[in-house]
Protein backbone atom coordinates (compact mmCIF):
# COMPACT_ATOMS: atom_id res chain seq x y z
CA UNK A 1 0.00 0.00 0.00
CA UNK A 2 1.59 3.32 -1.07
CA UNK A 3 1.41 6.64 0.78
CA UNK A 4 -1.65 7.85 -1.16
CA UNK A 5 -3.51 4.65 -0.31
CA UNK A 6 -2.65 5.11 3.37
CA UNK A 7 -3.88 8.72 3.31
CA UNK A 8 -7.10 7.73 1.56
CA UNK A 9 -7.72 4.92 4.03
CA UNK A 10 -7.05 7.35 6.88
CA UNK A 11 -9.56 9.78 5.41
CA UNK A 12 -12.22 7.08 5.17
CA UNK A 13 -11.53 6.06 8.76
CA UNK A 14 -11.91 9.64 10.01
CA UNK A 15 -8.26 10.30 10.78
CA UNK A 16 -7.94 14.10 10.72
CA UNK A 17 -4.15 14.06 10.48
CA UNK A 18 -4.30 11.79 7.43
CA UNK A 19 -7.00 13.99 5.92
CA UNK A 20 -4.94 17.17 6.41
CA UNK A 21 -1.85 15.42 5.02
CA UNK A 22 -3.81 14.49 1.88
CA UNK A 23 -5.09 18.06 1.58
CA UNK A 24 -1.60 19.56 1.96
CA UNK A 25 -0.09 17.08 -0.49
CA UNK A 26 -2.50 17.87 -3.33
CA UNK A 27 -3.54 21.47 -2.66
CA UNK A 28 -0.88 23.09 -4.84
CA UNK A 29 -1.22 20.42 -7.52
CA UNK A 30 -4.94 21.14 -7.84
CA UNK A 31 -4.32 24.89 -7.62
CA UNK A 32 -1.84 24.70 -10.51
CA UNK A 33 -4.23 22.59 -12.62
CA UNK A 34 -7.16 24.87 -11.85
CA UNK A 35 -5.30 28.06 -12.74
CA UNK A 36 -4.35 26.52 -16.08
CA UNK A 37 -8.07 26.09 -16.79
CA UNK A 38 -9.26 29.56 -15.72
CA UNK A 39 -8.00 32.88 -14.39
CA UNK A 40 -10.35 33.13 -11.41
CA UNK A 41 -7.93 32.21 -8.61
CA UNK A 42 -10.51 32.70 -5.87
CA UNK A 43 -12.97 30.35 -7.54
CA UNK A 44 -10.22 27.73 -7.95
CA UNK A 45 -9.23 27.99 -4.28
CA UNK A 46 -12.84 27.86 -3.11
CA UNK A 47 -13.48 24.78 -5.22
CA UNK A 48 -10.48 22.99 -3.72
CA UNK A 49 -11.73 23.79 -0.22
CA UNK A 50 -15.25 22.64 -1.03
CA UNK A 51 -14.00 19.41 -2.61
CA UNK A 52 -12.04 18.42 0.49
CA UNK A 53 -14.88 19.43 2.80
CA UNK A 54 -17.16 17.22 0.75
CA UNK A 55 -14.70 14.31 1.00
CA UNK A 56 -14.50 14.71 4.76
CA UNK A 57 -18.27 14.92 5.21
CA UNK A 58 -18.85 11.89 2.93
CA UNK A 59 -15.78 9.93 4.10
CA UNK A 60 -17.83 6.95 5.25
CA UNK A 61 -19.59 6.50 1.91
CA UNK A 62 -17.09 7.66 -0.75
CA UNK A 63 -15.85 4.96 -3.06
CA UNK A 64 -12.42 3.35 -2.99
CA UNK A 65 -9.87 5.16 -5.14
CA UNK A 66 -7.66 2.95 -7.27
CA UNK A 67 -5.59 6.03 -8.13
CA UNK A 68 -5.99 8.77 -5.52
CA UNK A 69 -4.39 11.52 -7.59
CA UNK A 70 -6.52 10.71 -10.62
CA UNK A 71 -9.65 10.60 -8.45
CA UNK A 72 -8.90 13.98 -6.87
CA UNK A 73 -8.01 15.70 -10.14
CA UNK A 74 -11.07 14.33 -11.96
CA UNK A 75 -13.42 15.23 -9.11
CA UNK A 76 -11.85 18.68 -8.81
CA UNK A 77 -12.15 19.52 -12.51
CA UNK A 78 -15.75 18.32 -12.62
CA UNK A 79 -16.67 20.46 -9.62
CA UNK A 80 -14.68 23.42 -10.94
CA UNK A 81 -16.64 23.34 -14.19
CA UNK A 82 -19.94 23.21 -12.30
CA UNK A 83 -18.94 26.04 -9.94
CA UNK A 84 -17.69 28.14 -12.85
CA UNK A 85 -21.02 27.83 -14.66
CA UNK A 86 -22.87 28.84 -11.49
CA UNK A 87 -20.60 31.84 -11.01
CA UNK A 88 -21.18 32.96 -14.60
CA UNK A 89 -24.93 32.73 -14.16
CA UNK A 90 -24.67 34.78 -10.98
CA UNK A 91 -22.45 37.28 -12.78
CA UNK A 92 -24.87 37.69 -15.65
CA UNK A 93 -27.70 38.38 -13.24
CA UNK A 94 -25.61 40.79 -11.22
CA UNK A 95 -25.12 43.00 -14.28
CA UNK A 96 -28.81 43.84 -14.03
CA UNK A 97 -29.38 43.37 -10.34
CA UNK A 98 -26.74 45.92 -9.36
CA UNK A 99 -28.80 48.61 -11.03
CA UNK A 100 -31.78 47.99 -8.76
CA UNK A 101 -32.11 50.05 -5.58
CA UNK A 102 -31.41 48.03 -2.46
CA UNK A 103 -31.87 48.55 1.21
CA UNK A 104 -28.62 49.81 2.77
CA UNK A 105 -28.41 46.80 5.07
CA UNK A 106 -30.74 43.99 3.94
CA UNK A 107 -31.34 41.38 6.61
CA UNK A 108 -30.58 37.67 5.99
CA UNK A 109 -34.19 36.93 5.03
CA UNK A 110 -34.21 39.74 2.45
CA UNK A 111 -30.90 38.49 1.03
CA UNK A 112 -32.34 35.00 0.65
CA UNK A 113 -35.46 36.34 -1.07
CA UNK A 114 -33.33 38.43 -3.42
CA UNK A 115 -31.15 35.43 -4.28
CA UNK A 116 -34.24 33.36 -5.07
CA UNK A 117 -35.56 36.17 -7.29
CA UNK A 118 -32.26 36.31 -9.17
CA UNK A 119 -32.28 32.55 -9.78
CA UNK A 120 -35.89 32.68 -10.94
CA UNK A 121 -35.15 35.56 -13.30
CA UNK A 122 -32.27 33.73 -14.90
CA UNK A 123 -34.37 30.57 -15.27
CA UNK A 124 -37.13 32.54 -16.99
CA UNK A 125 -34.65 33.96 -19.48
CA UNK A 126 -33.11 30.53 -20.15
CA UNK A 127 -36.60 29.12 -20.74
CA UNK A 128 -37.17 31.78 -23.41
CA UNK A 129 -33.75 31.12 -24.98
CA UNK A 130 -34.52 27.39 -25.13
CA UNK A 131 -37.62 28.18 -27.21
CA UNK A 132 -35.56 29.81 -29.98
CA UNK A 133 -34.72 27.98 -33.22
CA UNK A 134 -31.76 25.67 -32.63
CA UNK A 135 -29.19 27.76 -34.50
CA UNK A 136 -30.15 31.02 -32.79
CA UNK A 137 -30.15 29.30 -29.41
CA UNK A 138 -26.74 27.74 -30.03
CA UNK A 139 -25.11 31.01 -31.10
CA UNK A 140 -26.64 33.09 -28.31
CA UNK A 141 -25.40 30.62 -25.70
CA UNK A 142 -21.93 30.59 -27.24
CA UNK A 143 -21.82 34.38 -27.32
CA UNK A 144 -23.38 35.35 -24.01
CA UNK A 145 -23.20 32.23 -21.84
CA UNK A 146 -19.74 30.92 -22.79
CA UNK A 147 -18.48 34.43 -23.53
CA UNK A 148 -16.96 33.58 -26.93
CA UNK A 149 -16.06 36.33 -29.38
CA UNK A 150 -17.61 36.36 -32.84
CA UNK A 151 -14.30 35.13 -34.26
CA UNK A 152 -14.23 32.21 -31.82
CA UNK A 153 -17.82 31.31 -32.70
CA UNK A 154 -16.94 31.36 -36.40
CA UNK A 155 -14.02 29.02 -35.76
CA UNK A 156 -16.09 26.64 -33.65
CA UNK A 157 -19.16 26.48 -35.90
CA UNK A 158 -17.66 26.99 -39.36
CA UNK A 159 -20.29 29.65 -40.12
CA UNK A 160 -19.49 32.98 -41.74
CA UNK A 161 -19.16 36.16 -39.67
CA UNK A 162 -22.27 37.59 -41.29
CA UNK A 163 -24.34 34.48 -40.52
CA UNK A 164 -23.20 34.45 -36.89
CA UNK A 165 -23.93 38.15 -36.42
CA UNK A 166 -27.31 37.98 -38.17
CA UNK A 167 -28.50 34.90 -36.29
CA UNK A 168 -27.54 36.38 -32.92
CA UNK A 169 -29.21 39.68 -33.81
CA UNK A 170 -32.36 37.86 -34.95
CA UNK A 171 -32.40 35.76 -31.79
CA UNK A 172 -32.05 38.78 -29.49
CA UNK A 173 -34.75 40.64 -31.40
CA UNK A 174 -37.12 37.68 -31.13
CA UNK A 175 -36.42 37.34 -27.39
CA UNK A 176 -37.18 41.02 -26.79
CA UNK A 177 -40.43 40.84 -28.77
CA UNK A 178 -41.56 37.62 -27.07
CA UNK A 179 -40.82 38.98 -23.60
CA UNK A 180 -42.45 42.34 -24.36
CA UNK A 181 -45.62 40.57 -25.52
CA UNK A 182 -45.72 38.14 -22.63
CA UNK A 183 -47.69 38.55 -19.43
CA UNK A 184 -44.76 37.70 -17.14
CA UNK A 185 -44.85 39.67 -13.89
CA UNK A 186 -41.08 40.14 -14.33
CA UNK A 187 -41.14 41.13 -18.01
CA UNK A 188 -39.47 44.48 -17.35
CA UNK A 189 -36.69 42.82 -15.38
CA UNK A 190 -36.22 40.21 -18.12
CA UNK A 191 -35.93 42.92 -20.77
CA UNK A 192 -33.35 44.72 -18.61
CA UNK A 193 -31.38 41.51 -18.22
CA UNK A 194 -31.52 40.84 -21.94
CA UNK A 195 -30.34 44.39 -22.71
CA UNK A 196 -27.45 43.91 -20.29
CA UNK A 197 -26.51 40.65 -22.04
CA UNK A 198 -26.49 42.32 -25.42
CA UNK A 199 -24.28 45.18 -24.25
CA UNK A 200 -22.04 43.44 -21.70
CA UNK A 201 -20.36 40.55 -23.51
CA UNK A 202 -16.96 41.65 -22.22
CA UNK A 203 -18.20 41.60 -18.64
CA UNK A 204 -19.70 38.15 -19.02
CA UNK A 205 -16.62 36.79 -20.74
CA UNK A 206 -14.56 37.83 -17.73
CA UNK A 207 -16.20 35.00 -15.78
CA UNK A 208 -14.71 32.46 -18.13
């Protein structure tokens, strides 16, 4: 049994010293790998912390690891991708939400309500995007969700610049018309969010 196997066994048995030794051994490895994937150092660090907290909390039920390093790296990258997508969604919403007046010191309950409203608003917009024709939906998600430039979209899809631009423009126009005609209670907020998306690609791309 090698050192990694001993550390993993110690983790599963609830040995805090073994757990901390495993954390210290792989922290900088995961940090290096994470920073190669994205520039958001804080998100990378937070994801490492959350991964090891998860391992500790689930130590009695986590599976055996035939290769501890491979297991940690794979789990880390999967979680990092998930956390990155969540942070981008939050960032997109914040573009609009920051323009709304807020109480100087909202209490915890108000913060929770506001967070739920933000999530609901984003879900409403994604529901509308999912109703677009497939090509318009694909290009809008590439542009505003993944933060790709028009040139990068052209390279990925093989479409011409004009086609990419026109399809995105048509999709945004259709979204605005559909939302404006809808009876959603949050139609005004959705239109504001959509306007922010159309004018803040650089901001959104920064979350990549």
